Amino acid sequence: MKNEGVATIKLSESEIQLVLNSLRMSISTLVPCVDSGQWKVPYEQLEKDFVDILKQLRDYKREKTNDQKKESASYQEPQNCETCD
């Protein structure tokens, strides 16, 4: 059984995108006769993980924006209506 640890790393959305770009460049590198391409497997998994993280971050930001819009819309003062009096 492997001892696995967890590290928390704080990255911005643009930093995550840079990591993804670097991973994609590494994965696309052609290295002849090296483990039949098996060396790429951990990098491909890491890329998948970062894609998921980026999606979660963007979904969170979108929900936060939608919540703020709903909140500001619900606190608007009613318009004065001349015919309502």
C-alpha atoms as a PDB file:
ATOM      1  CA  MET A   1       0.000   0.000   0.000  1.00  0.00           C
ATOM      2  CA  LYS A   2       1.337   3.432  -0.987  1.00  0.00           C
ATOM      3  CA  ASN A   3       1.522   6.269   1.484  1.00  0.00           C
ATOM      4  CA  GLU A   4      -0.244   9.125  -0.220  1.00  0.00           C
ATOM      5  CA  GLY A   5      -0.412  12.646   1.086  1.00  0.00           C
ATOM      6  CA  VAL A   6      -2.556  15.574   0.134  1.00  0.00           C
ATOM      7  CA  ALA A   7      -1.284  19.091  -0.475  1.00  0.00           C
ATOM      8  CA  THR A   8      -3.453  22.163  -0.715  1.00  0.00           C
ATOM      9  CA  ILE A   9      -2.194  24.575  -3.343  1.00  0.00           C
ATOM     10  CA  LYS A  10      -3.855  27.912  -4.012  1.00  0.00           C
ATOM     11  CA  LEU A  11      -3.915  28.818  -7.702  1.00  0.00           C
ATOM     12  CA  SER A  12      -5.828  31.439  -9.627  1.00  0.00           C
ATOM     13  CA  GLU A  13      -7.861  30.534 -12.686  1.00  0.00           C
ATOM     14  CA  SER A  14      -5.121  31.852 -14.974  1.00  0.00           C
ATOM     15  CA  GLU A  15      -2.467  29.846 -13.108  1.00  0.00           C
ATOM     16  CA  ILE A  16      -4.538  26.673 -13.490  1.00  0.00           C
ATOM     17  CA  GLN A  17      -4.788  27.401 -17.215  1.00  0.00           C
ATOM     18  CA  LEU A  18      -0.990  27.774 -17.391  1.00  0.00           C
ATOM     19  CA  VAL A  19      -0.518  24.420 -15.644  1.00  0.00           C
ATOM     20  CA  LEU A  20      -2.944  22.822 -18.107  1.00  0.00           C
ATOM     21  CA  ASN A  21      -1.103  24.321 -21.075  1.00  0.00           C
ATOM     22  CA  SER A  22       2.220  23.001 -19.760  1.00  0.00           C
ATOM     23  CA  LEU A  23       0.778  19.543 -19.138  1.00  0.00           C
ATOM     24  CA  ARG A  24      -0.702  19.440 -22.634  1.00  0.00           C
ATOM     25  CA  MET A  25       2.637  20.412 -24.177  1.00  0.00           C
ATOM     26  CA  SER A  26       4.405  17.702 -22.158  1.00  0.00           C
ATOM     27  CA  ILE A  27       1.841  15.061 -23.094  1.00  0.00           C
ATOM     28  CA  SER A  28       2.038  15.944 -26.778  1.00  0.00           C
ATOM     29  CA  THR A  29       5.819  15.442 -26.802  1.00  0.00           C
ATOM     30  CA  LEU A  30       6.853  12.456 -28.867  1.00  0.00           C
ATOM     31  CA  VAL A  31       9.421  10.335 -27.061  1.00  0.00           C
ATOM     32  CA  PRO A  32      10.283   7.237 -29.081  1.00  0.00           C
ATOM     33  CA  CYS A  33      10.586   3.868 -27.359  1.00  0.00           C
ATOM     34  CA  VAL A  34       9.982   5.070 -23.802  1.00  0.00           C
ATOM     35  CA  ASP A  35       7.688   2.624 -21.961  1.00  0.00           C
ATOM     36  CA  SER A  36       5.332   2.499 -24.961  1.00  0.00           C
ATOM     37  CA  GLY A  37       3.987   5.880 -23.925  1.00  0.00           C
ATOM     38  CA  GLN A  38       3.192   4.754 -20.388  1.00  0.00           C
ATOM     39  CA  TRP A  39       5.185   7.676 -19.008  1.00  0.00           C
ATOM     40  CA  LYS A  40       2.287   9.916 -20.097  1.00  0.00           C
ATOM     41  CA  VAL A  41      -0.336   8.210 -17.909  1.00  0.00           C
ATOM     42  CA  PRO A  42       0.302  10.207 -14.696  1.00  0.00           C
ATOM     43  CA  TYR A  43       0.454  13.444 -16.682  1.00  0.00           C
ATOM     44  CA  GLU A  44      -2.828  12.647 -18.439  1.00  0.00           C
ATOM     45  CA  GLN A  45      -4.464  11.940 -15.068  1.00  0.00           C
ATOM     46  CA  LEU A  46      -3.096  15.199 -13.676  1.00  0.00           C
ATOM     47  CA  GLU A  47      -4.443  17.039 -16.720  1.00  0.00           C
ATOM     48  CA  LYS A  48      -7.870  15.483 -16.166  1.00  0.00           C
ATOM     49  CA  ASP A  49      -7.785  16.522 -12.504  1.00  0.00           C
ATOM     50  CA  PHE A  50      -6.889  20.112 -13.387  1.00  0.00           C
ATOM     51  CA  VAL A  51      -9.627  20.253 -16.043  1.00  0.00           C
ATOM     52  CA  ASP A  52     -12.119  19.159 -13.357  1.00  0.00           C
ATOM     53  CA  ILE A  53     -10.783  21.757 -10.918  1.00  0.00           C
ATOM     54  CA  LEU A  54     -11.037  24.491 -13.539  1.00  0.00           C
ATOM     55  CA  LYS A  55     -14.621  23.480 -14.354  1.00  0.00           C
ATOM     56  CA  GLN A  56     -15.560  23.499 -10.661  1.00  0.00           C
ATOM     57  CA  LEU A  57     -13.979  26.929 -10.201  1.00  0.00           C
ATOM     58  CA  ARG A  58     -15.839  28.368 -13.193  1.00  0.00           C
ATOM     59  CA  ASP A  59     -19.134  26.812 -12.048  1.00  0.00           C
ATOM     60  CA  TYR A  60     -18.625  28.290  -8.572  1.00  0.00           C
ATOM     61  CA  LYS A  61     -17.905  31.736 -10.021  1.00  0.00           C
ATOM     62  CA  ARG A  62     -20.977  31.503 -12.279  1.00  0.00           C
ATOM     63  CA  GLU A  63     -23.226  30.496  -9.355  1.00  0.00           C
ATOM     64  CA  LYS A  64     -21.812  33.310  -7.212  1.00  0.00           C
ATOM     65  CA  THR A  65     -22.508  35.845  -9.982  1.00  0.00           C
ATOM     66  CA  ASN A  66     -26.051  34.516 -10.472  1.00  0.00           C
ATOM     67  CA  ASP A  67     -26.697  34.653  -6.712  1.00  0.00           C
ATOM     68  CA  GLN A  68     -25.502  38.263  -6.581  1.00  0.00           C
ATOM     69  CA  LYS A  69     -27.763  39.201  -9.505  1.00  0.00           C
ATOM     70  CA  LYS A  70     -30.761  37.521  -7.848  1.00  0.00           C
ATOM     71  CA  GLU A  71     -29.981  39.196  -4.541  1.00  0.00           C
ATOM     72  CA  SER A  72     -29.677  42.670  -6.061  1.00  0.00           C
ATOM     73  CA  ALA A  73     -32.885  42.165  -8.064  1.00  0.00           C
ATOM     74  CA  SER A  74     -34.850  41.122  -4.977  1.00  0.00           C
ATOM     75  CA  TYR A  75     -33.846  44.256  -3.022  1.00  0.00           C
ATOM     76  CA  GLN A  76     -34.945  46.797  -5.611  1.00  0.00           C
ATOM     77  CA  GLU A  77     -37.415  49.429  -4.459  1.00  0.00           C
ATOM     78  CA  PRO A  78     -40.812  49.156  -6.136  1.00  0.00           C
ATOM     79  CA  GLN A  79     -41.496  51.753  -8.779  1.00  0.00           C
ATOM     80  CA  ASN A  80     -43.984  54.501  -7.984  1.00  0.00           C
ATOM     81  CA  CYS A  81     -47.151  53.986  -9.932  1.00  0.00           C
ATOM     82  CA  GLU A  82     -49.444  56.951 -10.598  1.00  0.00           C
ATOM     83  CA  THR A  83     -52.487  54.732 -11.129  1.00  0.00           C
ATOM     84  CA  CYS A  84     -51.861  52.650  -7.984  1.00  0.00           C
ATOM     85  CA  ASP A  85     -52.794  55.439  -5.509  1.00  0.00           C
END
